[in-house]
Amino acid sequence: MKTKCWFNQSRLLSRLRTSFCALAVVGSLLTLPTAEASPPEPASGEFFPCFTYAGPPHQAGGNTVITFNVTTRATGTLNGSLVGTELDVVHRDGSINLHGTAVFTGTINGSLEGTLLFTYNGIGNANTGHETLHFVGRQGTGGLAGVHFEGTADGDLGGECDGDFGGHGTYAGNVIFAR
């Protein structure tokens, strides 16, 4: 004869397993470090890029594609140098789409020292030599670990440098420091 038990052992074990898994997930989340950041601080300054052709320009679909090696001196909130590459697509009408990456080595606000990876994209005009960029700095090392830098830059070709041609411009944005 079968007796009915008021509880089902397999159902109890299933619920215990579910509860244990939920507690394990919550417990592991509680052990993760928390991150805090300062409020955004304004940043501004000047930059002086020097462009050197990384190879010969080539044609693609009626556009001219140019890759540059770029070295830049920065002053202001950023004080140091950037070294990177830039890809420019010059369209038939003289408009330019550009994308680049550069590693900044120097200081922010004259005290924090290290490196910061910058990526940027923007537009320009081959006829006037004017460019407008949006940039982001992240993945810092040393005193710049945890720093996030974001802003815009406006610049013009013209200026002396040891490369094929130089430029000058201004930047403005915000910097956030990890605590």
N, C-alpha and C. Protein backbone atom coordinates (compact mmCIF):
# COMPACT_ATOMS: atom_id res chain seq x y z
N MET A 1 0.83 -1.16 0.00
CA MET A 1 0.00 0.00 0.00
C MET A 1 0.88 1.23 0.00
N LYS A 2 0.43 2.18 -0.78
CA LYS A 2 1.18 3.42 -0.91
C LYS A 2 0.73 4.41 0.14
N THR A 3 1.72 5.04 0.72
CA THR A 3 1.38 6.13 1.63
C THR A 3 1.80 7.44 0.99
N LYS A 4 0.96 8.41 1.19
CA LYS A 4 1.27 9.72 0.64
C LYS A 4 1.93 10.55 1.73
N CYS A 5 3.04 11.08 1.36
CA CYS A 5 3.78 11.94 2.28
C CYS A 5 3.37 13.38 2.01
N TRP A 6 3.33 14.20 3.04
CA TRP A 6 2.90 15.58 2.86
C TRP A 6 3.94 16.43 2.13
N PHE A 7 5.17 15.89 1.95
CA PHE A 7 6.14 16.62 1.15
C PHE A 7 6.77 15.66 0.14
N ASN A 8 7.20 16.25 -0.96
CA ASN A 8 7.81 15.48 -2.02
C ASN A 8 9.31 15.73 -1.94
N GLN A 9 10.08 14.67 -1.73
CA GLN A 9 11.51 14.81 -1.51
C GLN A 9 12.22 15.39 -2.74
N SER A 10 11.86 14.97 -3.94
CA SER A 10 12.53 15.49 -5.14
C SER A 10 12.21 16.97 -5.34
N ARG A 11 10.97 17.39 -5.02
CA ARG A 11 10.62 18.80 -5.13
C ARG A 11 11.42 19.62 -4.12
N LEU A 12 11.61 19.11 -2.93
CA LEU A 12 12.38 19.80 -1.90
C LEU A 12 13.83 19.96 -2.35
N LEU A 13 14.43 18.91 -2.89
CA LEU A 13 15.81 18.99 -3.35
C LEU A 13 15.94 19.99 -4.50
N SER A 14 14.97 20.01 -5.39
CA SER A 14 14.99 20.95 -6.51
C SER A 14 14.96 22.39 -6.00
N ARG A 15 14.10 22.67 -5.03
CA ARG A 15 14.01 24.02 -4.48
C ARG A 15 15.27 24.40 -3.71
N LEU A 16 15.87 23.45 -3.02
CA LEU A 16 17.11 23.73 -2.31
C LEU A 16 18.23 24.06 -3.30
N ARG A 17 18.31 23.31 -4.40
CA ARG A 17 19.32 23.59 -5.42
C ARG A 17 19.12 24.98 -6.01
N THR A 18 17.88 25.34 -6.32
CA THR A 18 17.58 26.66 -6.88
C THR A 18 17.97 27.75 -5.90
N SER A 19 17.63 27.57 -4.63
CA SER A 19 17.97 28.56 -3.61
C SER A 19 19.48 28.69 -3.46
N PHE A 20 20.18 27.56 -3.47
CA PHE A 20 21.63 27.59 -3.34
C PHE A 20 22.27 28.34 -4.51
N CYS A 21 21.80 28.07 -5.73
CA CYS A 21 22.34 28.76 -6.92
C CYS A 21 22.08 30.26 -6.83
N ALA A 22 20.90 30.66 -6.42
CA ALA A 22 20.58 32.08 -6.30
C ALA A 22 21.47 32.74 -5.26
N LEU A 23 21.69 32.08 -4.13
CA LEU A 23 22.57 32.63 -3.10
C LEU A 23 24.01 32.72 -3.58
N ALA A 24 24.46 31.74 -4.35
CA ALA A 24 25.82 31.75 -4.88
C ALA A 24 26.01 32.93 -5.83
N VAL A 25 25.03 33.19 -6.69
CA VAL A 25 25.12 34.32 -7.62
C VAL A 25 25.14 35.63 -6.86
N VAL A 26 24.25 35.81 -5.91
CA VAL A 26 24.20 37.05 -5.12
C VAL A 26 25.50 37.22 -4.34
N GLY A 27 26.00 36.15 -3.76
CA GLY A 27 27.24 36.22 -3.00
C GLY A 27 28.43 36.61 -3.86
N SER A 28 28.49 36.06 -5.07
CA SER A 28 29.60 36.42 -5.95
C SER A 28 29.51 37.86 -6.41
N LEU A 29 28.31 38.38 -6.61
CA LEU A 29 28.16 39.78 -7.00
C LEU A 29 28.59 40.72 -5.88
N LEU A 30 28.37 40.32 -4.65
CA LEU A 30 28.74 41.16 -3.51
C LEU A 30 30.25 41.25 -3.34
N THR A 31 31.00 40.30 -3.88
CA THR A 31 32.45 40.33 -3.73
C THR A 31 33.13 41.16 -4.80
N LEU A 32 32.41 41.60 -5.84
CA LEU A 32 33.01 42.41 -6.89
C LEU A 32 33.34 43.80 -6.36
N PRO A 33 34.46 44.36 -6.84
CA PRO A 33 34.80 45.71 -6.38
C PRO A 33 33.85 46.74 -6.97
N THR A 34 33.66 47.81 -6.24
CA THR A 34 32.82 48.89 -6.75
C THR A 34 33.73 49.97 -7.31
N ALA A 35 33.22 50.70 -8.26
CA ALA A 35 34.00 51.78 -8.87
C ALA A 35 33.26 53.09 -8.65
N GLU A 36 34.03 54.08 -8.29
CA GLU A 36 33.47 55.41 -8.14
C GLU A 36 34.28 56.35 -9.02
N ALA A 37 33.65 57.39 -9.47
CA ALA A 37 34.34 58.36 -10.31
C ALA A 37 34.01 59.76 -9.83
N SER A 38 34.94 60.65 -10.12
CA SER A 38 34.71 62.05 -9.79
C SER A 38 33.70 62.64 -10.77
N PRO A 39 33.10 63.77 -10.42
CA PRO A 39 32.26 64.44 -11.42
C PRO A 39 33.15 64.92 -12.57
N PRO A 40 32.58 65.08 -13.76
CA PRO A 40 33.39 65.54 -14.89
C PRO A 40 34.01 66.91 -14.61
N GLU A 41 35.28 67.04 -14.98
CA GLU A 41 35.97 68.32 -14.84
C GLU A 41 36.27 68.87 -16.23
N PRO A 42 36.11 70.17 -16.44
CA PRO A 42 36.38 70.73 -17.76
C PRO A 42 37.86 70.62 -18.11
N ALA A 43 38.11 70.44 -19.40
CA ALA A 43 39.48 70.33 -19.90
C ALA A 43 39.58 71.14 -21.19
N SER A 44 40.73 71.78 -21.40
CA SER A 44 40.93 72.54 -22.63
C SER A 44 42.42 72.74 -22.87
N GLY A 45 42.74 73.09 -24.10
CA GLY A 45 44.13 73.36 -24.43
C GLY A 45 44.34 73.45 -25.92
N GLU A 46 45.61 73.34 -26.30
CA GLU A 46 45.99 73.41 -27.71
C GLU A 46 46.74 72.15 -28.10
N PHE A 47 46.76 71.88 -29.42
CA PHE A 47 47.52 70.75 -29.94
C PHE A 47 48.20 71.16 -31.24
N PHE A 48 49.33 70.49 -31.52
CA PHE A 48 50.15 70.82 -32.68
C PHE A 48 50.57 69.53 -33.37
N PRO A 49 49.76 69.04 -34.32
CA PRO A 49 50.06 67.76 -34.96
C PRO A 49 51.09 67.91 -36.09
N CYS A 50 51.80 66.83 -36.33
CA CYS A 50 52.75 66.73 -37.43
C CYS A 50 52.40 65.45 -38.20
N PHE A 51 52.10 65.58 -39.49
CA PHE A 51 51.65 64.47 -40.31
C PHE A 51 52.76 64.01 -41.25
N THR A 52 52.97 62.69 -41.32
CA THR A 52 53.91 62.08 -42.25
C THR A 52 53.17 60.98 -42.98
N TYR A 53 53.30 60.94 -44.30
CA TYR A 53 52.64 59.89 -45.08
C TYR A 53 53.16 58.53 -44.65
N ALA A 54 52.25 57.61 -44.30
CA ALA A 54 52.63 56.25 -43.93
C ALA A 54 52.85 55.39 -45.17
N GLY A 55 52.38 55.85 -46.29
CA GLY A 55 52.51 55.17 -47.58
C GLY A 55 51.90 56.07 -48.63
N PRO A 56 51.99 55.66 -49.89
CA PRO A 56 51.42 56.52 -50.93
C PRO A 56 49.89 56.52 -50.87
N PRO A 57 49.26 57.66 -51.14
CA PRO A 57 47.80 57.70 -51.22
C PRO A 57 47.33 56.79 -52.36
N HIS A 58 46.12 56.24 -52.21
CA HIS A 58 45.58 55.41 -53.29
C HIS A 58 44.12 55.78 -53.54
N GLN A 59 43.65 55.44 -54.72
CA GLN A 59 42.28 55.73 -55.14
C GLN A 59 41.37 54.55 -54.81
N ALA A 60 40.17 54.86 -54.37
CA ALA A 60 39.16 53.83 -54.09
C ALA A 60 37.79 54.43 -54.36
N GLY A 61 37.15 53.98 -55.43
CA GLY A 61 35.80 54.44 -55.74
C GLY A 61 35.69 55.94 -55.96
N GLY A 62 36.69 56.54 -56.57
CA GLY A 62 36.65 57.98 -56.80
C GLY A 62 37.14 58.81 -55.62
N ASN A 63 37.48 58.17 -54.51
CA ASN A 63 38.00 58.85 -53.33
C ASN A 63 39.50 58.61 -53.21
N THR A 64 40.18 59.49 -52.51
CA THR A 64 41.59 59.29 -52.22
C THR A 64 41.72 58.88 -50.76
N VAL A 65 42.40 57.76 -50.54
CA VAL A 65 42.59 57.23 -49.19
C VAL A 65 44.05 57.46 -48.79
N ILE A 66 44.24 58.11 -47.65
CA ILE A 66 45.58 58.46 -47.19
C ILE A 66 45.74 58.00 -45.74
N THR A 67 46.86 57.33 -45.46
CA THR A 67 47.19 56.95 -44.09
C THR A 67 48.39 57.77 -43.65
N PHE A 68 48.27 58.37 -42.46
CA PHE A 68 49.33 59.20 -41.91
C PHE A 68 49.84 58.61 -40.60
N ASN A 69 51.13 58.79 -40.36
CA ASN A 69 51.67 58.66 -39.01
C ASN A 69 51.59 60.06 -38.42
N VAL A 70 51.08 60.16 -37.21
CA VAL A 70 50.85 61.48 -36.61
C VAL A 70 51.56 61.55 -35.26
N THR A 71 52.33 62.61 -35.07
CA THR A 71 52.87 62.93 -33.75
C THR A 71 52.31 64.30 -33.37
N THR A 72 51.91 64.43 -32.13
CA THR A 72 51.24 65.65 -31.70
C THR A 72 51.77 66.10 -30.35
N ARG A 73 51.99 67.38 -30.22
CA ARG A 73 52.33 67.97 -28.93
C ARG A 73 51.06 68.60 -28.39
N ALA A 74 50.74 68.35 -27.12
CA ALA A 74 49.52 68.90 -26.50
C ALA A 74 49.91 69.74 -25.29
N THR A 75 49.19 70.86 -25.12
CA THR A 75 49.39 71.72 -23.96
C THR A 75 48.03 72.01 -23.34
N GLY A 76 48.04 72.47 -22.11
CA GLY A 76 46.79 72.75 -21.40
C GLY A 76 46.52 71.67 -20.38
N THR A 77 45.27 71.23 -20.29
CA THR A 77 44.93 70.14 -19.36
C THR A 77 45.77 68.92 -19.67
N LEU A 78 45.88 68.58 -20.94
CA LEU A 78 46.80 67.53 -21.40
C LEU A 78 48.14 68.19 -21.69
N ASN A 79 49.20 67.68 -21.09
CA ASN A 79 50.52 68.22 -21.37
C ASN A 79 51.44 67.06 -21.67
N GLY A 80 51.78 66.91 -22.96
CA GLY A 80 52.62 65.79 -23.36
C GLY A 80 52.56 65.59 -24.86
N SER A 81 52.73 64.34 -25.27
CA SER A 81 52.76 64.04 -26.70
C SER A 81 51.87 62.85 -27.01
N LEU A 82 51.41 62.82 -28.26
CA LEU A 82 50.61 61.71 -28.77
C LEU A 82 51.32 61.16 -30.00
N VAL A 83 51.30 59.83 -30.15
CA VAL A 83 51.85 59.17 -31.32
C VAL A 83 50.80 58.20 -31.82
N GLY A 84 50.47 58.28 -33.12
CA GLY A 84 49.44 57.38 -33.63
C GLY A 84 49.35 57.38 -35.14
N THR A 85 48.24 56.85 -35.64
CA THR A 85 47.97 56.80 -37.07
C THR A 85 46.59 57.36 -37.35
N GLU A 86 46.43 57.86 -38.57
CA GLU A 86 45.15 58.43 -38.99
C GLU A 86 44.86 58.00 -40.41
N LEU A 87 43.61 57.64 -40.66
CA LEU A 87 43.16 57.27 -42.00
C LEU A 87 42.19 58.34 -42.48
N ASP A 88 42.52 58.98 -43.60
CA ASP A 88 41.67 60.02 -44.19
C ASP A 88 41.10 59.53 -45.51
N VAL A 89 39.81 59.73 -45.70
CA VAL A 89 39.17 59.48 -46.99
C VAL A 89 38.76 60.84 -47.54
N VAL A 90 39.43 61.25 -48.62
CA VAL A 90 39.16 62.55 -49.23
C VAL A 90 38.22 62.31 -50.41
N HIS A 91 37.04 62.90 -50.34
CA HIS A 91 36.03 62.72 -51.38
C HIS A 91 36.25 63.72 -52.52
N ARG A 92 35.61 63.48 -53.65
CA ARG A 92 35.78 64.33 -54.84
C ARG A 92 35.47 65.79 -54.57
N ASP A 93 34.51 66.05 -53.69
CA ASP A 93 34.13 67.45 -53.41
C ASP A 93 35.07 68.13 -52.40
N GLY A 94 36.11 67.41 -51.94
CA GLY A 94 37.06 67.97 -50.99
C GLY A 94 36.73 67.69 -49.54
N SER A 95 35.56 67.10 -49.27
CA SER A 95 35.23 66.76 -47.88
C SER A 95 36.07 65.56 -47.45
N ILE A 96 36.35 65.49 -46.16
CA ILE A 96 37.21 64.44 -45.60
C ILE A 96 36.49 63.77 -44.45
N ASN A 97 36.55 62.44 -44.41
CA ASN A 97 36.18 61.66 -43.23
C ASN A 97 37.48 61.10 -42.69
N LEU A 98 37.70 61.24 -41.38
CA LEU A 98 38.97 60.76 -40.81
C LEU A 98 38.74 60.00 -39.52
N HIS A 99 39.63 59.04 -39.29
CA HIS A 99 39.57 58.19 -38.10
C HIS A 99 41.01 57.96 -37.65
N GLY A 100 41.24 57.95 -36.35
CA GLY A 100 42.59 57.72 -35.87
C GLY A 100 42.66 57.20 -34.46
N THR A 101 43.84 56.71 -34.11
CA THR A 101 44.14 56.30 -32.74
C THR A 101 45.52 56.85 -32.40
N ALA A 102 45.71 57.16 -31.13
CA ALA A 102 47.00 57.67 -30.68
C ALA A 102 47.17 57.36 -29.20
N VAL A 103 48.41 57.17 -28.80
CA VAL A 103 48.73 56.97 -27.39
C VAL A 103 49.32 58.27 -26.85
N PHE A 104 48.68 58.79 -25.82
CA PHE A 104 49.15 60.00 -25.14
C PHE A 104 50.09 59.60 -24.02
N THR A 105 51.23 60.28 -23.92
CA THR A 105 52.16 60.10 -22.82
C THR A 105 52.41 61.47 -22.21
N GLY A 106 52.08 61.61 -20.94
CA GLY A 106 52.27 62.91 -20.30
C GLY A 106 51.45 63.03 -19.04
N THR A 107 51.03 64.26 -18.76
CA THR A 107 50.30 64.54 -17.53
C THR A 107 48.94 65.16 -17.82
N ILE A 108 48.03 64.99 -16.88
CA ILE A 108 46.75 65.69 -16.90
C ILE A 108 46.74 66.59 -15.67
N ASN A 109 46.41 67.84 -15.90
CA ASN A 109 46.40 68.86 -14.84
C ASN A 109 47.75 69.00 -14.15
N GLY A 110 48.81 68.65 -14.86
CA GLY A 110 50.16 68.84 -14.33
C GLY A 110 50.57 67.91 -13.22
N SER A 111 49.72 66.95 -12.84
CA SER A 111 50.11 66.10 -11.71
C SER A 111 50.03 64.62 -12.02
N LEU A 112 48.94 64.16 -12.60
CA LEU A 112 48.79 62.74 -12.88
C LEU A 112 49.56 62.39 -14.15
N GLU A 113 50.46 61.41 -14.05
CA GLU A 113 51.32 61.07 -15.18
C GLU A 113 51.09 59.63 -15.61
N GLY A 114 51.10 59.40 -16.92
CA GLY A 114 50.93 58.05 -17.45
C GLY A 114 50.63 58.09 -18.93
N THR A 115 49.95 57.05 -19.41
CA THR A 115 49.54 56.98 -20.81
C THR A 115 48.03 56.84 -20.89
N LEU A 116 47.49 57.23 -22.04
CA LEU A 116 46.05 57.16 -22.29
C LEU A 116 45.87 56.87 -23.77
N LEU A 117 44.99 55.92 -24.10
CA LEU A 117 44.71 55.59 -25.49
C LEU A 117 43.58 56.48 -25.99
N PHE A 118 43.84 57.23 -27.06
CA PHE A 118 42.83 58.09 -27.67
C PHE A 118 42.37 57.50 -28.99
N THR A 119 41.06 57.53 -29.22
CA THR A 119 40.49 57.25 -30.53
C THR A 119 39.71 58.49 -30.93
N TYR A 120 39.69 58.75 -32.23
CA TYR A 120 38.98 59.94 -32.69
C TYR A 120 38.44 59.73 -34.09
N ASN A 121 37.43 60.51 -34.41
CA ASN A 121 36.89 60.54 -35.77
C ASN A 121 36.39 61.95 -36.01
N GLY A 122 36.29 62.29 -37.28
CA GLY A 122 35.86 63.64 -37.57
C GLY A 122 35.68 63.89 -39.05
N ILE A 123 35.50 65.16 -39.35
CA ILE A 123 35.32 65.60 -40.73
C ILE A 123 36.29 66.74 -41.00
N GLY A 124 36.58 66.93 -42.27
CA GLY A 124 37.47 68.02 -42.64
C GLY A 124 37.15 68.52 -44.03
N ASN A 125 37.92 69.51 -44.44
CA ASN A 125 37.76 70.11 -45.75
C ASN A 125 39.15 70.26 -46.36
N ALA A 126 39.41 69.54 -47.46
CA ALA A 126 40.72 69.58 -48.10
C ALA A 126 41.00 70.95 -48.72
N ASN A 127 39.96 71.69 -49.06
CA ASN A 127 40.15 73.00 -49.68
C ASN A 127 40.56 74.07 -48.66
N THR A 128 40.00 74.02 -47.45
CA THR A 128 40.32 75.02 -46.43
C THR A 128 41.35 74.52 -45.42
N GLY A 129 41.53 73.20 -45.32
CA GLY A 129 42.46 72.63 -44.34
C GLY A 129 41.91 72.58 -42.93
N HIS A 130 40.61 72.80 -42.76
CA HIS A 130 40.00 72.80 -41.43
C HIS A 130 39.42 71.41 -41.11
N GLU A 131 39.60 70.97 -39.86
CA GLU A 131 39.06 69.69 -39.40
C GLU A 131 38.38 69.87 -38.05
N THR A 132 37.33 69.08 -37.82
CA THR A 132 36.62 69.03 -36.54
C THR A 132 36.57 67.58 -36.10
N LEU A 133 36.94 67.32 -34.84
CA LEU A 133 37.06 65.95 -34.34
C LEU A 133 36.25 65.75 -33.07
N HIS A 134 35.87 64.50 -32.84
CA HIS A 134 35.37 64.04 -31.54
C HIS A 134 36.36 62.99 -31.07
N PHE A 135 36.82 63.07 -29.83
CA PHE A 135 37.81 62.11 -29.34
C PHE A 135 37.43 61.57 -27.97
N VAL A 136 37.95 60.39 -27.69
CA VAL A 136 37.75 59.73 -26.40
C VAL A 136 39.10 59.15 -25.96
N GLY A 137 39.48 59.40 -24.71
CA GLY A 137 40.68 58.83 -24.12
C GLY A 137 40.30 57.88 -23.01
N ARG A 138 40.88 56.68 -23.02
CA ARG A 138 40.57 55.66 -22.02
C ARG A 138 41.72 54.68 -21.93
N GLN A 139 41.57 53.64 -21.14
CA GLN A 139 42.57 52.58 -20.95
C GLN A 139 43.91 53.15 -20.51
N GLY A 140 43.88 54.00 -19.50
CA GLY A 140 45.09 54.63 -19.02
C GLY A 140 45.98 53.70 -18.21
N THR A 141 47.25 54.11 -18.10
CA THR A 141 48.21 53.39 -17.26
C THR A 141 48.84 54.40 -16.30
N GLY A 142 49.53 53.88 -15.30
CA GLY A 142 50.19 54.75 -14.33
C GLY A 142 49.17 55.61 -13.60
N GLY A 143 49.48 56.88 -13.45
CA GLY A 143 48.57 57.81 -12.78
C GLY A 143 47.30 58.09 -13.55
N LEU A 144 47.25 57.67 -14.82
CA LEU A 144 46.06 57.90 -15.65
C LEU A 144 45.16 56.67 -15.73
N ALA A 145 45.47 55.64 -14.95
CA ALA A 145 44.60 54.45 -14.91
C ALA A 145 43.23 54.87 -14.39
N GLY A 146 42.18 54.46 -15.07
CA GLY A 146 40.83 54.80 -14.67
C GLY A 146 40.34 56.15 -15.16
N VAL A 147 41.17 56.89 -15.88
CA VAL A 147 40.77 58.20 -16.40
C VAL A 147 39.96 58.02 -17.67
N HIS A 148 38.91 58.81 -17.82
CA HIS A 148 38.11 58.86 -19.05
C HIS A 148 38.10 60.31 -19.51
N PHE A 149 38.50 60.53 -20.75
CA PHE A 149 38.62 61.88 -21.31
C PHE A 149 37.80 61.92 -22.58
N GLU A 150 36.92 62.89 -22.72
CA GLU A 150 36.09 62.99 -23.92
C GLU A 150 35.94 64.45 -24.30
N GLY A 151 36.01 64.72 -25.62
CA GLY A 151 35.88 66.10 -26.04
C GLY A 151 35.85 66.27 -27.54
N THR A 152 35.98 67.52 -27.95
CA THR A 152 36.01 67.89 -29.36
C THR A 152 37.26 68.72 -29.62
N ALA A 153 37.67 68.73 -30.87
CA ALA A 153 38.83 69.51 -31.27
C ALA A 153 38.57 70.15 -32.62
N ASP A 154 39.09 71.34 -32.80
CA ASP A 154 39.05 72.05 -34.08
C ASP A 154 40.47 72.43 -34.44
N GLY A 155 40.85 72.17 -35.69
CA GLY A 155 42.20 72.49 -36.09
C GLY A 155 42.30 72.86 -37.55
N ASP A 156 43.45 73.44 -37.89
CA ASP A 156 43.74 73.85 -39.26
C ASP A 156 45.14 73.40 -39.64
N LEU A 157 45.30 73.07 -40.91
CA LEU A 157 46.62 72.75 -41.41
C LEU A 157 47.43 74.03 -41.51
N GLY A 158 48.71 73.88 -41.35
CA GLY A 158 49.61 75.04 -41.39
C GLY A 158 50.37 75.09 -40.09
N GLY A 159 51.63 75.01 -40.19
CA GLY A 159 52.48 75.00 -39.01
C GLY A 159 53.73 74.22 -39.35
N GLU A 160 54.76 74.49 -38.62
CA GLU A 160 56.03 73.83 -38.89
C GLU A 160 56.14 72.52 -38.13
N CYS A 161 56.76 71.55 -38.79
CA CYS A 161 57.05 70.28 -38.14
C CYS A 161 58.09 69.55 -38.97
N ASP A 162 58.59 68.46 -38.45
CA ASP A 162 59.61 67.67 -39.15
C ASP A 162 59.00 66.69 -40.14
N GLY A 163 57.68 66.65 -40.26
CA GLY A 163 57.02 65.72 -41.17
C GLY A 163 56.68 66.38 -42.49
N ASP A 164 55.67 65.82 -43.16
CA ASP A 164 55.24 66.34 -44.46
C ASP A 164 54.48 67.65 -44.32
N PHE A 165 53.69 67.80 -43.28
CA PHE A 165 53.01 69.07 -42.99
C PHE A 165 52.50 69.06 -41.56
N GLY A 166 52.27 70.24 -41.02
CA GLY A 166 51.84 70.37 -39.64
C GLY A 166 50.51 71.08 -39.52
N GLY A 167 50.08 71.25 -38.29
CA GLY A 167 48.82 71.92 -38.02
C GLY A 167 48.79 72.47 -36.62
N HIS A 168 47.67 73.07 -36.27
CA HIS A 168 47.47 73.61 -34.92
C HIS A 168 45.97 73.67 -34.65
N GLY A 169 45.61 73.58 -33.38
CA GLY A 169 44.20 73.64 -33.04
C GLY A 169 43.96 73.71 -31.55
N THR A 170 42.69 73.70 -31.19
CA THR A 170 42.29 73.74 -29.79
C THR A 170 41.37 72.56 -29.49
N TYR A 171 41.36 72.15 -28.23
CA TYR A 171 40.45 71.09 -27.79
C TYR A 171 39.72 71.53 -26.54
N ALA A 172 38.56 70.95 -26.33
CA ALA A 172 37.77 71.21 -25.12
C ALA A 172 36.96 69.96 -24.82
N GLY A 173 36.76 69.69 -23.54
CA GLY A 173 35.99 68.51 -23.18
C GLY A 173 35.92 68.34 -21.68
N ASN A 174 35.78 67.09 -21.27
CA ASN A 174 35.67 66.75 -19.85
C ASN A 174 36.56 65.57 -19.53
N VAL A 175 37.09 65.58 -18.33
CA VAL A 175 37.88 64.46 -17.84
C VAL A 175 37.24 63.94 -16.56
N ILE A 176 37.17 62.62 -16.45
CA ILE A 176 36.61 61.97 -15.26
C ILE A 176 37.71 61.10 -14.66
N PHE A 177 37.93 61.26 -13.36
CA PHE A 177 38.95 60.50 -12.65
C PHE A 177 38.28 59.42 -11.81
N ALA A 178 38.81 58.20 -11.87
CA ALA A 178 38.33 57.13 -11.00
C ALA A 178 38.83 57.41 -9.59
N ARG A 179 38.03 57.05 -8.61
CA ARG A 179 38.45 57.26 -7.22
C ARG A 179 39.00 55.99 -6.64
